[in-house]
Amino acid sequence: MALLEDKVGTERIEADLHLANEVVRHCGYHPLAVALVAGLLVSHSTWSLSYLIRELEKAVARLPRE
């Protein structure tokens, strides 16, 4: 969570702490994944955390299943 907050900003994370935790969970708690999605949030400043979560869920749904 600290990595996401450092990259995106405290205000944005604290405004939706539950959603920020959900983003980190979707990243499997992997620092590289968190850094990558944080970069997306920084470069797309109009994206909300809920929008990012929906995009992550869509990406997971596209992955092939065994």
PDB file of N, CA and C in Angstrom:
ATOM      1  N   MET A   1       0.820  -1.190   0.000  1.00  0.00           N
ATOM      2  CA  MET A   1       0.000   0.000   0.000  1.00  0.00           C
ATOM      3  C   MET A   1       0.866   1.256   0.000  1.00  0.00           C
ATOM      4  N   ALA A   2       1.970   1.205   0.727  1.00  0.00           N
ATOM      5  CA  ALA A   2       2.840   2.380   0.805  1.00  0.00           C
ATOM      6  C   ALA A   2       3.393   2.742  -0.570  1.00  0.00           C
ATOM      7  N   LEU A   3       3.726   1.735  -1.359  1.00  0.00           N
ATOM      8  CA  LEU A   3       4.248   1.997  -2.707  1.00  0.00           C
ATOM      9  C   LEU A   3       3.202   2.702  -3.558  1.00  0.00           C
ATOM     10  N   LEU A   4       1.974   2.231  -3.511  1.00  0.00           N
ATOM     11  CA  LEU A   4       0.887   2.856  -4.264  1.00  0.00           C
ATOM     12  C   LEU A   4       0.690   4.301  -3.803  1.00  0.00           C
ATOM     13  N   GLU A   5       0.696   4.496  -2.503  1.00  0.00           N
ATOM     14  CA  GLU A   5       0.510   5.838  -1.943  1.00  0.00           C
ATOM     15  C   GLU A   5       1.663   6.771  -2.329  1.00  0.00           C
ATOM     16  N   ASP A   6       2.889   6.249  -2.294  1.00  0.00           N
ATOM     17  CA  ASP A   6       4.049   7.072  -2.679  1.00  0.00           C
ATOM     18  C   ASP A   6       3.952   7.538  -4.121  1.00  0.00           C
ATOM     19  N   LYS A   7       3.514   6.666  -5.004  1.00  0.00           N
ATOM     20  CA  LYS A   7       3.459   6.992  -6.431  1.00  0.00           C
ATOM     21  C   LYS A   7       2.245   7.851  -6.791  1.00  0.00           C
ATOM     22  N   VAL A   8       1.103   7.517  -6.219  1.00  0.00           N
ATOM     23  CA  VAL A   8      -0.164   8.145  -6.621  1.00  0.00           C
ATOM     24  C   VAL A   8      -0.489   9.370  -5.780  1.00  0.00           C
ATOM     25  N   GLY A   9      -0.082   9.361  -4.534  1.00  0.00           N
ATOM     26  CA  GLY A   9      -0.366  10.485  -3.642  1.00  0.00           C
ATOM     27  C   GLY A   9      -1.295  10.094  -2.508  1.00  0.00           C
ATOM     28  N   THR A  10      -0.995  10.627  -1.356  1.00  0.00           N
ATOM     29  CA  THR A  10      -1.743  10.289  -0.144  1.00  0.00           C
ATOM     30  C   THR A  10      -3.216  10.657  -0.259  1.00  0.00           C
ATOM     31  N   GLU A  11      -3.501  11.845  -0.770  1.00  0.00           N
ATOM     32  CA  GLU A  11      -4.900  12.295  -0.862  1.00  0.00           C
ATOM     33  C   GLU A  11      -5.753  11.330  -1.670  1.00  0.00           C
ATOM     34  N   ARG A  12      -5.239  10.945  -2.816  1.00  0.00           N
ATOM     35  CA  ARG A  12      -6.004  10.073  -3.717  1.00  0.00           C
ATOM     36  C   ARG A  12      -6.247   8.699  -3.096  1.00  0.00           C
ATOM     37  N   ILE A  13      -5.261   8.200  -2.374  1.00  0.00           N
ATOM     38  CA  ILE A  13      -5.385   6.882  -1.756  1.00  0.00           C
ATOM     39  C   ILE A  13      -6.298   6.947  -0.530  1.00  0.00           C
ATOM     40  N   GLU A  14      -6.100   7.931   0.321  1.00  0.00           N
ATOM     41  CA  GLU A  14      -6.905   8.034   1.540  1.00  0.00           C
ATOM     42  C   GLU A  14      -8.372   8.311   1.238  1.00  0.00           C
ATOM     43  N   ALA A  15      -8.648   8.919   0.093  1.00  0.00           N
ATOM     44  CA  ALA A  15     -10.033   9.198  -0.279  1.00  0.00           C
ATOM     45  C   ALA A  15     -10.816   7.905  -0.508  1.00  0.00           C
ATOM     46  N   ASP A  16     -10.123   6.867  -0.965  1.00  0.00           N
ATOM     47  CA  ASP A  16     -10.762   5.571  -1.236  1.00  0.00           C
ATOM     48  C   ASP A  16      -9.853   4.451  -0.763  1.00  0.00           C
ATOM     49  N   LEU A  17      -9.603   4.395   0.533  1.00  0.00           N
ATOM     50  CA  LEU A  17      -8.669   3.430   1.104  1.00  0.00           C
ATOM     51  C   LEU A  17      -9.090   1.989   0.812  1.00  0.00           C
ATOM     52  N   HIS A  18     -10.370   1.715   0.907  1.00  0.00           N
ATOM     53  CA  HIS A  18     -10.854   0.356   0.621  1.00  0.00           C
ATOM     54  C   HIS A  18     -10.537  -0.030  -0.821  1.00  0.00           C
ATOM     55  N   LEU A  19     -10.772   0.879  -1.750  1.00  0.00           N
ATOM     56  CA  LEU A  19     -10.490   0.595  -3.157  1.00  0.00           C
ATOM     57  C   LEU A  19      -8.991   0.473  -3.408  1.00  0.00           C
ATOM     58  N   ALA A  20      -8.189   1.260  -2.717  1.00  0.00           N
ATOM     59  CA  ALA A  20      -6.737   1.158  -2.855  1.00  0.00           C
ATOM     60  C   ALA A  20      -6.261  -0.216  -2.401  1.00  0.00           C
ATOM     61  N   ASN A  21      -6.818  -0.711  -1.318  1.00  0.00           N
ATOM     62  CA  ASN A  21      -6.491  -2.068  -0.853  1.00  0.00           C
ATOM     63  C   ASN A  21      -6.898  -3.101  -1.890  1.00  0.00           C
ATOM     64  N   GLU A  22      -8.013  -2.885  -2.533  1.00  0.00           N
ATOM     65  CA  GLU A  22      -8.493  -3.791  -3.578  1.00  0.00           C
ATOM     66  C   GLU A  22      -7.542  -3.799  -4.776  1.00  0.00           C
ATOM     67  N   VAL A  23      -7.020  -2.643  -5.147  1.00  0.00           N
ATOM     68  CA  VAL A  23      -6.054  -2.554  -6.252  1.00  0.00           C
ATOM     69  C   VAL A  23      -4.815  -3.383  -5.913  1.00  0.00           C
ATOM     70  N   VAL A  24      -4.293  -3.208  -4.707  1.00  0.00           N
ATOM     71  CA  VAL A  24      -3.103  -3.947  -4.285  1.00  0.00           C
ATOM     72  C   VAL A  24      -3.391  -5.446  -4.260  1.00  0.00           C
ATOM     73  N   ARG A  25      -4.567  -5.829  -3.826  1.00  0.00           N
ATOM     74  CA  ARG A  25      -4.951  -7.246  -3.816  1.00  0.00           C
ATOM     75  C   ARG A  25      -4.997  -7.791  -5.238  1.00  0.00           C
ATOM     76  N   HIS A  26      -5.571  -7.023  -6.164  1.00  0.00           N
ATOM     77  CA  HIS A  26      -5.630  -7.444  -7.566  1.00  0.00           C
ATOM     78  C   HIS A  26      -4.230  -7.620  -8.151  1.00  0.00           C
ATOM     79  N   CYS A  27      -3.273  -6.905  -7.599  1.00  0.00           N
ATOM     80  CA  CYS A  27      -1.880  -7.024  -8.056  1.00  0.00           C
ATOM     81  C   CYS A  27      -1.157  -8.189  -7.377  1.00  0.00           C
ATOM     82  N   GLY A  28      -1.875  -8.937  -6.582  1.00  0.00           N
ATOM     83  CA  GLY A  28      -1.263 -10.065  -5.893  1.00  0.00           C
ATOM     84  C   GLY A  28      -0.215  -9.650  -4.877  1.00  0.00           C
ATOM     85  N   TYR A  29      -0.292  -8.399  -4.437  1.00  0.00           N
ATOM     86  CA  TYR A  29       0.647  -7.837  -3.461  1.00  0.00           C
ATOM     87  C   TYR A  29       2.087  -7.817  -3.984  1.00  0.00           C
ATOM     88  N   HIS A  30       2.271  -7.929  -5.303  1.00  0.00           N
ATOM     89  CA  HIS A  30       3.599  -7.900  -5.909  1.00  0.00           C
ATOM     90  C   HIS A  30       4.009  -6.450  -6.158  1.00  0.00           C
ATOM     91  N   PRO A  31       5.153  -6.035  -5.613  1.00  0.00           N
ATOM     92  CA  PRO A  31       5.582  -4.636  -5.758  1.00  0.00           C
ATOM     93  C   PRO A  31       5.680  -4.166  -7.209  1.00  0.00           C
ATOM     94  N   LEU A  32       6.177  -5.009  -8.092  1.00  0.00           N
ATOM     95  CA  LEU A  32       6.298  -4.585  -9.488  1.00  0.00           C
ATOM     96  C   LEU A  32       4.922  -4.322 -10.091  1.00  0.00           C
ATOM     97  N   ALA A  33       3.968  -5.190  -9.820  1.00  0.00           N
ATOM     98  CA  ALA A  33       2.608  -5.000 -10.337  1.00  0.00           C
ATOM     99  C   ALA A  33       1.988  -3.730  -9.761  1.00  0.00           C
ATOM    100  N   VAL A  34       2.185  -3.505  -8.478  1.00  0.00           N
ATOM    101  CA  VAL A  34       1.654  -2.291  -7.840  1.00  0.00           C
ATOM    102  C   VAL A  34       2.289  -1.053  -8.468  1.00  0.00           C
ATOM    103  N   ALA A  35       3.596  -1.098  -8.710  1.00  0.00           N
ATOM    104  CA  ALA A  35       4.274   0.040  -9.338  1.00  0.00           C
ATOM    105  C   ALA A  35       3.741   0.297 -10.745  1.00  0.00           C
ATOM    106  N   LEU A  36       3.471  -0.763 -11.480  1.00  0.00           N
ATOM    107  CA  LEU A  36       2.942  -0.602 -12.834  1.00  0.00           C
ATOM    108  C   LEU A  36       1.558   0.030 -12.838  1.00  0.00           C
ATOM    109  N   VAL A  37       0.667  -0.452 -11.986  1.00  0.00           N
ATOM    110  CA  VAL A  37      -0.672   0.143 -11.969  1.00  0.00           C
ATOM    111  C   VAL A  37      -0.638   1.547 -11.376  1.00  0.00           C
ATOM    112  N   ALA A  38       0.283   1.809 -10.464  1.00  0.00           N
ATOM    113  CA  ALA A  38       0.433   3.168  -9.940  1.00  0.00           C
ATOM    114  C   ALA A  38       0.842   4.106 -11.073  1.00  0.00           C
ATOM    115  N   GLY A  39       1.727   3.620 -11.934  1.00  0.00           N
ATOM    116  CA  GLY A  39       2.126   4.417 -13.093  1.00  0.00           C
ATOM    117  C   GLY A  39       0.951   4.715 -14.004  1.00  0.00           C
ATOM    118  N   LEU A  40       0.067   3.737 -14.158  1.00  0.00           N
ATOM    119  CA  LEU A  40      -1.142   3.968 -14.952  1.00  0.00           C
ATOM    120  C   LEU A  40      -2.006   5.057 -14.327  1.00  0.00           C
ATOM    121  N   LEU A  41      -2.162   4.988 -13.008  1.00  0.00           N
ATOM    122  CA  LEU A  41      -2.980   5.991 -12.326  1.00  0.00           C
ATOM    123  C   LEU A  41      -2.363   7.380 -12.429  1.00  0.00           C
ATOM    124  N   VAL A  42      -1.053   7.461 -12.383  1.00  0.00           N
ATOM    125  CA  VAL A  42      -0.376   8.758 -12.488  1.00  0.00           C
ATOM    126  C   VAL A  42      -0.521   9.309 -13.905  1.00  0.00           C
ATOM    127  N   SER A  43      -0.332   8.454 -14.898  1.00  0.00           N
ATOM    128  CA  SER A  43      -0.393   8.936 -16.280  1.00  0.00           C
ATOM    129  C   SER A  43      -1.819   9.173 -16.768  1.00  0.00           C
ATOM    130  N   HIS A  44      -2.782   8.568 -16.095  1.00  0.00           N
ATOM    131  CA  HIS A  44      -4.206   8.765 -16.433  1.00  0.00           C
ATOM    132  C   HIS A  44      -4.893   9.349 -15.194  1.00  0.00           C
ATOM    133  N   SER A  45      -4.630  10.592 -14.942  1.00  0.00           N
ATOM    134  CA  SER A  45      -5.083  11.220 -13.690  1.00  0.00           C
ATOM    135  C   SER A  45      -6.603  11.275 -13.543  1.00  0.00           C
ATOM    136  N   THR A  46      -7.325  11.095 -14.639  1.00  0.00           N
ATOM    137  CA  THR A  46      -8.790  11.104 -14.533  1.00  0.00           C
ATOM    138  C   THR A  46      -9.347   9.738 -14.149  1.00  0.00           C
ATOM    139  N   TRP A  47      -8.518   8.694 -14.181  1.00  0.00           N
ATOM    140  CA  TRP A  47      -8.983   7.360 -13.801  1.00  0.00           C
ATOM    141  C   TRP A  47      -9.208   7.304 -12.297  1.00  0.00           C
ATOM    142  N   SER A  48     -10.328   6.777 -11.912  1.00  0.00           N
ATOM    143  CA  SER A  48     -10.584   6.538 -10.489  1.00  0.00           C
ATOM    144  C   SER A  48     -10.052   5.159 -10.125  1.00  0.00           C
ATOM    145  N   LEU A  49      -9.931   4.911  -8.843  1.00  0.00           N
ATOM    146  CA  LEU A  49      -9.513   3.583  -8.396  1.00  0.00           C
ATOM    147  C   LEU A  49     -10.544   2.531  -8.811  1.00  0.00           C
ATOM    148  N   SER A  50     -11.809   2.877  -8.746  1.00  0.00           N
ATOM    149  CA  SER A  50     -12.843   1.911  -9.144  1.00  0.00           C
ATOM    150  C   SER A  50     -12.763   1.601 -10.633  1.00  0.00           C
ATOM    151  N   TYR A  51     -12.435   2.598 -11.455  1.00  0.00           N
ATOM    152  CA  TYR A  51     -12.265   2.356 -12.887  1.00  0.00           C
ATOM    153  C   TYR A  51     -11.082   1.419 -13.119  1.00  0.00           C
ATOM    154  N   LEU A  52      -9.975   1.660 -12.421  1.00  0.00           N
ATOM    155  CA  LEU A  52      -8.801   0.803 -12.562  1.00  0.00           C
ATOM    156  C   LEU A  52      -9.133  -0.635 -12.158  1.00  0.00           C
ATOM    157  N   ILE A  53      -9.863  -0.801 -11.083  1.00  0.00           N
ATOM    158  CA  ILE A  53     -10.248  -2.143 -10.638  1.00  0.00           C
ATOM    159  C   ILE A  53     -11.080  -2.836 -11.710  1.00  0.00           C
ATOM    160  N   ARG A  54     -12.016  -2.121 -12.304  1.00  0.00           N
ATOM    161  CA  ARG A  54     -12.830  -2.723 -13.377  1.00  0.00           C
ATOM    162  C   ARG A  54     -11.948  -3.149 -14.544  1.00  0.00           C
ATOM    163  N   GLU A  55     -10.973  -2.318 -14.894  1.00  0.00           N
ATOM    164  CA  GLU A  55     -10.060  -2.656 -15.987  1.00  0.00           C
ATOM    165  C   GLU A  55      -9.209  -3.876 -15.636  1.00  0.00           C
ATOM    166  N   LEU A  56      -8.759  -3.960 -14.399  1.00  0.00           N
ATOM    167  CA  LEU A  56      -7.986  -5.128 -13.967  1.00  0.00           C
ATOM    168  C   LEU A  56      -8.845  -6.390 -14.016  1.00  0.00           C
ATOM    169  N   GLU A  57     -10.095  -6.273 -13.583  1.00  0.00           N
ATOM    170  CA  GLU A  57     -10.994  -7.428 -13.616  1.00  0.00           C
ATOM    171  C   GLU A  57     -11.267  -7.883 -15.045  1.00  0.00           C
ATOM    172  N   LYS A  58     -11.412  -6.934 -15.970  1.00  0.00           N
ATOM    173  CA  LYS A  58     -11.605  -7.293 -17.375  1.00  0.00           C
ATOM    174  C   LYS A  58     -10.373  -8.003 -17.922  1.00  0.00           C
ATOM    175  N   ALA A  59      -9.195  -7.512 -17.544  1.00  0.00           N
ATOM    176  CA  ALA A  59      -7.950  -8.137 -18.021  1.00  0.00           C
ATOM    177  C   ALA A  59      -7.833  -9.568 -17.502  1.00  0.00           C
ATOM    178  N   VAL A  60      -8.174  -9.781 -16.246  1.00  0.00           N
ATOM    179  CA  VAL A  60      -8.128 -11.126 -15.678  1.00  0.00           C
ATOM    180  C   VAL A  60      -9.119 -12.040 -16.394  1.00  0.00           C
ATOM    181  N   ALA A  61     -10.285 -11.515 -16.722  1.00  0.00           N
ATOM    182  CA  ALA A  61     -11.309 -12.329 -17.398  1.00  0.00           C
ATOM    183  C   ALA A  61     -10.849 -12.760 -18.787  1.00  0.00           C
ATOM    184  N   ARG A  62      -9.957 -11.992 -19.405  1.00  0.00           N
ATOM    185  CA  ARG A  62      -9.450 -12.340 -20.738  1.00  0.00           C
ATOM    186  C   ARG A  62      -8.353 -13.395 -20.709  1.00  0.00           C
ATOM    187  N   LEU A  63      -7.789 -13.669 -19.535  1.00  0.00           N
ATOM    188  CA  LEU A  63      -6.722 -14.650 -19.444  1.00  0.00           C
ATOM    189  C   LEU A  63      -7.273 -16.053 -19.715  1.00  0.00           C
ATOM    190  N   PRO A  64      -6.497 -16.872 -20.427  1.00  0.00           N
ATOM    191  CA  PRO A  64      -6.964 -18.233 -20.699  1.00  0.00           C
ATOM    192  C   PRO A  64      -7.045 -19.046 -19.412  1.00  0.00           C
ATOM    193  N   ARG A  65      -8.032 -19.880 -19.350  1.00  0.00           N
ATOM    194  CA  ARG A  65      -8.222 -20.761 -18.187  1.00  0.00           C
ATOM    195  C   ARG A  65      -7.779 -22.167 -18.571  1.00  0.00           C
ATOM    196  N   GLU A  66      -7.278 -22.894 -17.613  1.00  0.00           N
ATOM    197  CA  GLU A  66      -6.838 -24.271 -17.894  1.00  0.00           C
ATOM    198  C   GLU A  66      -8.001 -25.214 -17.941  1.00  0.00           C
TER     199      GLU A  66
END
